[in-house]
């Protein structure tokens, strides 16, 4: 029985990746000026950031239930097993909706074989887990091995990021308003991570150079065998900053690869321009 993979657009992987690995992409939705778009389908990240620069405040919503209904019914009618790694349930209702609709469809199609995994990850932290899971699936691994591997990658994914303005996250309900206020004081750069799927501020650091250095120090503390890993960087429409960070990471850790991509529309609507996020594993690849 063949295996079909599913992943959300919030993985911040390019659309070409989904096509190359034949993964069904589930687009989250973006609302701007009373117009609704599907992330990476009829709106691209650059367009969302342009709207933010113009003073708009995009809103996002989970993937369409009718979209789940269609793709899960199609899976049930096929001879395929499905594995769906979702965006963190703490940041979107997509996981809960997917589980609900899968269970509804199983009433009509009891043979539906679909495993849904809550990644508890975001942006390219989620994307790295999806990317490496897809590579394993392409090698012909069994469904059980793919599921186990995906859960392992998600569980051990580290997220470190700084934003230009915490107000974007606060307005979207992603962090407290008190944290947003403190982050806006006189060139103070907030440093955040993801804890059990939630965005959690951990430090406030004055100045960009100091926050980049602190990220490197935390990578050294938390990472395992970084020279054997693929490290990912996502950015909020600031490719120059991402490449500056890439050079610092390469100089200090010599990873196998540093993968860079712009933050997607669903995540970027909340993180805002100037965001810089770094992702890596806290377990050695040799132990996988």
Protein backbone atom coordinates (compact mmCIF):
# COMPACT_ATOMS: atom_id res chain seq x y z
CA UNK A 1 0.00 0.00 0.00
CA UNK A 2 1.42 3.36 -1.01
CA UNK A 3 1.69 6.28 1.39
CA UNK A 4 0.44 9.82 0.86
CA UNK A 5 1.85 12.69 2.90
CA UNK A 6 -0.01 15.85 3.85
CA UNK A 7 1.37 19.09 5.32
CA UNK A 8 0.18 22.65 5.93
CA UNK A 9 1.38 25.73 4.09
CA UNK A 10 2.62 26.98 7.51
CA UNK A 11 5.67 24.73 7.09
CA UNK A 12 7.14 27.67 5.12
CA UNK A 13 8.55 25.30 2.50
CA UNK A 14 8.29 26.47 -1.12
CA UNK A 15 5.48 25.16 -3.28
CA UNK A 16 8.04 23.41 -5.50
CA UNK A 17 8.94 21.19 -2.56
CA UNK A 18 5.38 19.86 -2.28
CA UNK A 19 5.37 19.14 -5.99
CA UNK A 20 8.77 17.42 -5.95
CA UNK A 21 7.77 15.05 -3.13
CA UNK A 22 4.12 14.70 -4.21
CA UNK A 23 2.85 16.02 -0.86
CA UNK A 24 -0.69 17.34 -0.59
CA UNK A 25 -0.39 20.92 0.65
CA UNK A 26 -3.17 22.16 2.92
CA UNK A 27 -3.36 25.95 2.62
CA UNK A 28 -4.15 28.08 5.64
CA UNK A 29 -6.20 31.18 4.95
CA UNK A 30 -5.23 34.85 5.07
CA UNK A 31 -7.73 37.71 5.32
CA UNK A 32 -6.78 41.22 4.12
CA UNK A 33 -9.28 44.07 3.59
CA UNK A 34 -12.24 41.67 3.70
CA UNK A 35 -10.64 39.53 1.00
CA UNK A 36 -9.79 35.91 1.81
CA UNK A 37 -6.80 34.15 0.24
CA UNK A 38 -5.32 30.69 0.41
CA UNK A 39 -1.70 30.78 1.53
CA UNK A 40 0.68 29.88 -1.32
CA UNK A 41 -2.25 29.35 -3.72
CA UNK A 42 -3.53 32.82 -4.56
CA UNK A 43 -1.31 34.90 -2.30
CA UNK A 44 2.44 34.72 -1.76
CA UNK A 45 4.50 35.72 1.31
CA UNK A 46 6.01 38.78 -0.40
CA UNK A 47 2.52 40.14 -1.07
CA UNK A 48 1.52 39.74 2.57
CA UNK A 49 4.61 41.57 3.80
CA UNK A 50 3.97 44.34 1.29
CA UNK A 51 0.47 44.76 2.73
CA UNK A 52 1.94 44.94 6.24
CA UNK A 53 4.43 47.59 5.11
CA UNK A 54 1.42 49.53 3.78
CA UNK A 55 -0.14 49.48 7.24
CA UNK A 56 -2.57 46.60 6.78
CA UNK A 57 -2.99 44.01 9.53
CA UNK A 58 -3.69 40.60 7.94
CA UNK A 59 -5.62 38.00 9.86
CA UNK A 60 -5.36 34.26 9.44
CA UNK A 61 -7.64 31.29 9.86
CA UNK A 62 -7.23 27.56 9.79
CA UNK A 63 -7.54 25.42 6.68
CA UNK A 64 -10.99 25.03 5.18
CA UNK A 65 -13.05 22.12 6.61
CA UNK A 66 -14.47 21.51 3.12
CA UNK A 67 -10.93 21.08 1.80
CA UNK A 68 -10.27 18.41 4.45
CA UNK A 69 -13.56 16.75 3.60
CA UNK A 70 -12.54 16.39 -0.04
CA UNK A 71 -8.95 15.24 0.35
CA UNK A 72 -9.70 12.81 3.18
CA UNK A 73 -12.63 11.32 1.26
CA UNK A 74 -10.38 10.91 -1.78
CA UNK A 75 -7.83 9.14 0.44
CA UNK A 76 -10.52 6.86 1.86
CA UNK A 77 -11.53 5.82 -1.66
CA UNK A 78 -7.95 5.09 -2.67
CA UNK A 79 -5.67 2.24 -1.66
CA UNK A 80 -3.25 4.62 0.10
CA UNK A 81 -2.32 5.18 3.71
CA UNK A 82 -2.14 8.82 4.79
CA UNK A 83 0.26 10.60 7.14
CA UNK A 84 -0.49 14.24 7.94
CA UNK A 85 1.99 16.29 9.98
CA UNK A 86 0.22 19.49 11.05
CA UNK A 87 1.14 22.99 12.18
CA UNK A 88 1.23 23.33 16.00
CA UNK A 89 -2.22 22.92 17.56
CA UNK A 90 -1.30 25.76 19.96
CA UNK A 91 -1.05 28.21 17.05
CA UNK A 92 -3.87 27.04 14.78
CA UNK A 93 -7.10 25.04 14.97
CA UNK A 94 -6.14 23.07 11.87
CA UNK A 95 -5.04 19.95 13.79
CA UNK A 96 -8.30 19.73 15.75
CA UNK A 97 -10.42 20.27 12.63
CA UNK A 98 -8.48 17.64 10.69
CA UNK A 99 -8.98 15.05 13.47
CA UNK A 100 -12.69 15.85 13.69
CA UNK A 101 -13.26 15.49 9.93
CA UNK A 102 -11.13 12.34 9.69
CA UNK A 103 -13.28 10.74 12.40
CA UNK A 104 -16.48 11.79 10.63
CA UNK A 105 -15.30 10.28 7.35
CA UNK A 106 -14.30 7.04 9.09
CA UNK A 107 -17.98 6.56 9.99
CA UNK A 108 -18.71 6.22 6.26
CA UNK A 109 -15.35 4.73 5.26
CA UNK A 110 -14.12 2.60 8.19
CA UNK A 111 -11.05 1.50 6.23
CA UNK A 112 -9.65 5.06 6.09
CA UNK A 113 -6.04 4.84 7.28
CA UNK A 114 -4.88 8.34 8.19
CA UNK A 115 -2.45 9.22 10.98
CA UNK A 116 -2.50 12.89 12.03
CA UNK A 117 0.53 14.16 13.96
CA UNK A 118 0.52 17.44 15.87
CA UNK A 119 4.02 18.75 15.18
CA UNK A 120 3.95 21.36 17.98
CA UNK A 121 6.31 23.19 15.60
CA UNK A 122 6.11 26.33 13.47
CA UNK A 123 7.60 27.82 10.30
CA UNK A 124 10.74 26.02 9.09
CA UNK A 125 11.00 24.09 12.38
CA UNK A 126 7.84 22.39 11.18
CA UNK A 127 9.20 22.50 7.63
CA UNK A 128 12.45 20.71 8.51
CA UNK A 129 10.47 17.90 10.15
CA UNK A 130 8.25 17.62 7.06
CA UNK A 131 11.23 17.77 4.68
CA UNK A 132 13.17 15.00 6.40
CA UNK A 133 10.01 12.89 6.81
CA UNK A 134 9.33 13.25 3.09
CA UNK A 135 12.87 12.16 2.25
CA UNK A 136 12.42 9.06 4.40
CA UNK A 137 9.08 8.28 2.76
CA UNK A 138 10.63 8.63 -0.69
CA UNK A 139 13.23 6.01 0.26
CA UNK A 140 10.44 3.45 0.62
CA UNK A 141 10.24 3.24 4.42
CA UNK A 142 7.19 1.66 6.05
CA UNK A 143 4.33 3.77 7.40
CA UNK A 144 5.20 2.83 10.99
CA UNK A 145 8.80 3.95 10.53
CA UNK A 146 7.76 7.21 8.86
CA UNK A 147 5.30 8.01 11.66
CA UNK A 148 7.83 7.24 14.37
CA UNK A 149 10.50 9.33 12.63
CA UNK A 150 8.17 12.31 12.10
CA UNK A 151 7.19 12.34 15.78
CA UNK A 152 10.86 12.14 16.80
CA UNK A 153 11.90 15.02 14.54
CA UNK A 154 9.07 17.23 15.79
CA UNK A 155 9.69 16.42 19.44
CA UNK A 156 13.37 17.40 19.23
CA UNK A 157 13.06 20.51 17.04
CA UNK A 158 14.41 23.72 18.56
CA UNK A 159 13.05 27.15 17.58
CA UNK A 160 14.85 30.40 18.36
CA UNK A 161 13.59 33.65 16.94
CA UNK A 162 13.54 37.37 17.31
CA UNK A 163 11.00 39.81 15.96
CA UNK A 164 11.23 43.46 15.07
CA UNK A 165 7.97 44.28 16.83
CA UNK A 166 6.11 42.00 19.26
CA UNK A 167 2.91 43.97 18.64
CA UNK A 168 2.19 41.78 15.60
CA UNK A 169 2.23 38.62 17.71
CA UNK A 170 0.27 40.31 20.51
CA UNK A 171 -2.50 41.50 18.20
CA UNK A 172 -2.87 37.97 16.89
CA UNK A 173 -3.06 36.59 20.43
CA UNK A 174 0.24 34.71 20.10
CA UNK A 175 2.00 36.36 23.07
CA UNK A 176 0.80 38.52 25.93
CA UNK A 177 0.39 42.28 25.47
CA UNK A 178 2.69 42.86 28.45
CA UNK A 179 5.46 41.06 26.61
CA UNK A 180 4.74 43.14 23.53
CA UNK A 181 5.02 46.39 25.49
CA UNK A 182 8.35 45.41 27.00
CA UNK A 183 9.68 44.33 23.64
CA UNK A 184 9.04 47.77 22.16
CA UNK A 185 11.32 49.65 24.52
CA UNK A 186 14.33 51.44 23.02
CA UNK A 187 15.97 48.96 20.64
CA UNK A 188 15.20 45.98 22.88
CA UNK A 189 15.03 42.80 20.80
CA UNK A 190 12.84 40.05 22.23
CA UNK A 191 14.14 36.50 21.94
CA UNK A 192 11.52 33.76 21.87
CA UNK A 193 11.31 30.01 21.50
CA UNK A 194 8.59 27.37 21.17
CA UNK A 195 7.64 25.41 24.26
CA UNK A 196 5.08 22.60 23.87
CA UNK A 197 3.87 24.26 20.68
CA UNK A 198 3.46 27.75 22.18
CA UNK A 199 5.45 30.92 21.50
CA UNK A 200 7.24 31.85 24.71
CA UNK A 201 9.42 34.97 25.24
CA UNK A 202 12.65 34.00 27.00
CA UNK A 203 14.87 37.11 27.04
CA UNK A 204 15.04 40.77 26.05
CA UNK A 205 18.34 41.89 24.55
CA UNK A 206 19.41 45.38 23.53
CA UNK A 207 20.63 45.62 19.94
CA UNK A 208 20.69 43.34 16.89
CA UNK A 209 24.30 42.17 17.15
CA UNK A 210 23.81 41.05 20.73
CA UNK A 211 20.63 39.14 19.95
CA UNK A 212 22.34 37.31 17.05
CA UNK A 213 25.24 36.37 19.32
CA UNK A 214 22.82 35.15 21.98
CA UNK A 215 21.07 32.97 19.40
CA UNK A 216 24.42 31.39 18.52
CA UNK A 217 25.18 30.77 22.20
CA UNK A 218 21.79 29.11 22.71
CA UNK A 219 22.33 26.98 19.60
CA UNK A 220 25.57 25.74 21.14
CA UNK A 221 23.82 25.00 24.44
CA UNK A 222 20.79 23.27 22.95
CA UNK A 223 21.99 21.74 19.69
CA UNK A 224 23.57 18.32 19.30
CA UNK A 225 26.23 17.64 16.66
CA UNK A 226 25.28 20.72 14.68
CA UNK A 227 28.00 19.93 12.15
CA UNK A 228 25.95 16.89 11.12
CA UNK A 229 22.66 18.74 10.80
CA UNK A 230 20.70 20.82 8.34
CA UNK A 231 19.96 24.13 10.06
CA UNK A 232 17.08 26.25 8.76
CA UNK A 233 16.54 30.00 8.81
CA UNK A 234 13.29 31.75 7.97
CA UNK A 235 12.98 35.51 7.69
CA UNK A 236 10.29 38.17 7.58
CA UNK A 237 11.15 39.79 4.24
CA UNK A 238 14.77 40.47 5.27
CA UNK A 239 16.98 38.19 3.22
CA UNK A 240 20.08 40.23 4.03
CA UNK A 241 19.66 39.56 7.76
CA UNK A 242 19.07 35.85 7.08
CA UNK A 243 22.33 35.60 5.12
CA UNK A 244 24.19 37.48 7.84
CA UNK A 245 22.92 34.87 10.32
CA UNK A 246 23.80 32.06 7.92
CA UNK A 247 27.41 33.26 7.74
CA UNK A 248 27.66 33.40 11.54
CA UNK A 249 26.24 29.88 11.88
CA UNK A 250 28.56 28.46 9.23
CA UNK A 251 31.58 30.10 10.81
CA UNK A 252 30.81 28.77 14.27
CA UNK A 253 29.22 25.34 13.68
CA UNK A 254 29.93 24.23 10.07
CA UNK A 255 26.55 22.48 9.62
CA UNK A 256 25.90 20.16 6.68
CA UNK A 257 23.61 22.79 5.16
CA UNK A 258 21.94 26.05 6.08
CA UNK A 259 18.54 26.27 4.40
CA UNK A 260 16.91 29.72 4.04
CA UNK A 261 13.37 30.65 3.04
CA UNK A 262 10.99 33.55 3.56
CA UNK A 263 8.36 33.13 6.27
CA UNK A 264 5.07 32.18 4.67
CA UNK A 265 1.88 34.21 4.64
CA UNK A 266 0.15 32.37 7.49
CA UNK A 267 3.06 32.74 9.93
CA UNK A 268 4.32 36.05 8.56
CA UNK A 269 0.95 37.72 9.14
CA UNK A 270 1.55 37.32 12.88
CA UNK A 271 5.34 37.55 13.15
CA UNK A 272 5.65 40.65 10.97
CA UNK A 273 8.53 42.08 8.93
CA UNK A 274 12.05 41.78 10.30
CA UNK A 275 11.48 38.43 12.01
CA UNK A 276 14.46 36.06 12.08
CA UNK A 277 14.00 32.43 13.12
CA UNK A 278 16.52 29.59 13.45
CA UNK A 279 15.70 25.88 13.66
CA UNK A 280 17.81 22.85 14.56
CA UNK A 281 17.61 19.57 16.49
CA UNK A 282 18.57 19.04 20.11
CA UNK A 283 19.36 15.36 19.39
CA UNK A 284 22.22 14.07 17.32
CA UNK A 285 21.29 12.78 13.83
CA UNK A 286 23.41 9.74 14.68
CA UNK A 287 20.84 8.71 17.32
CA UNK A 288 17.88 8.67 14.91
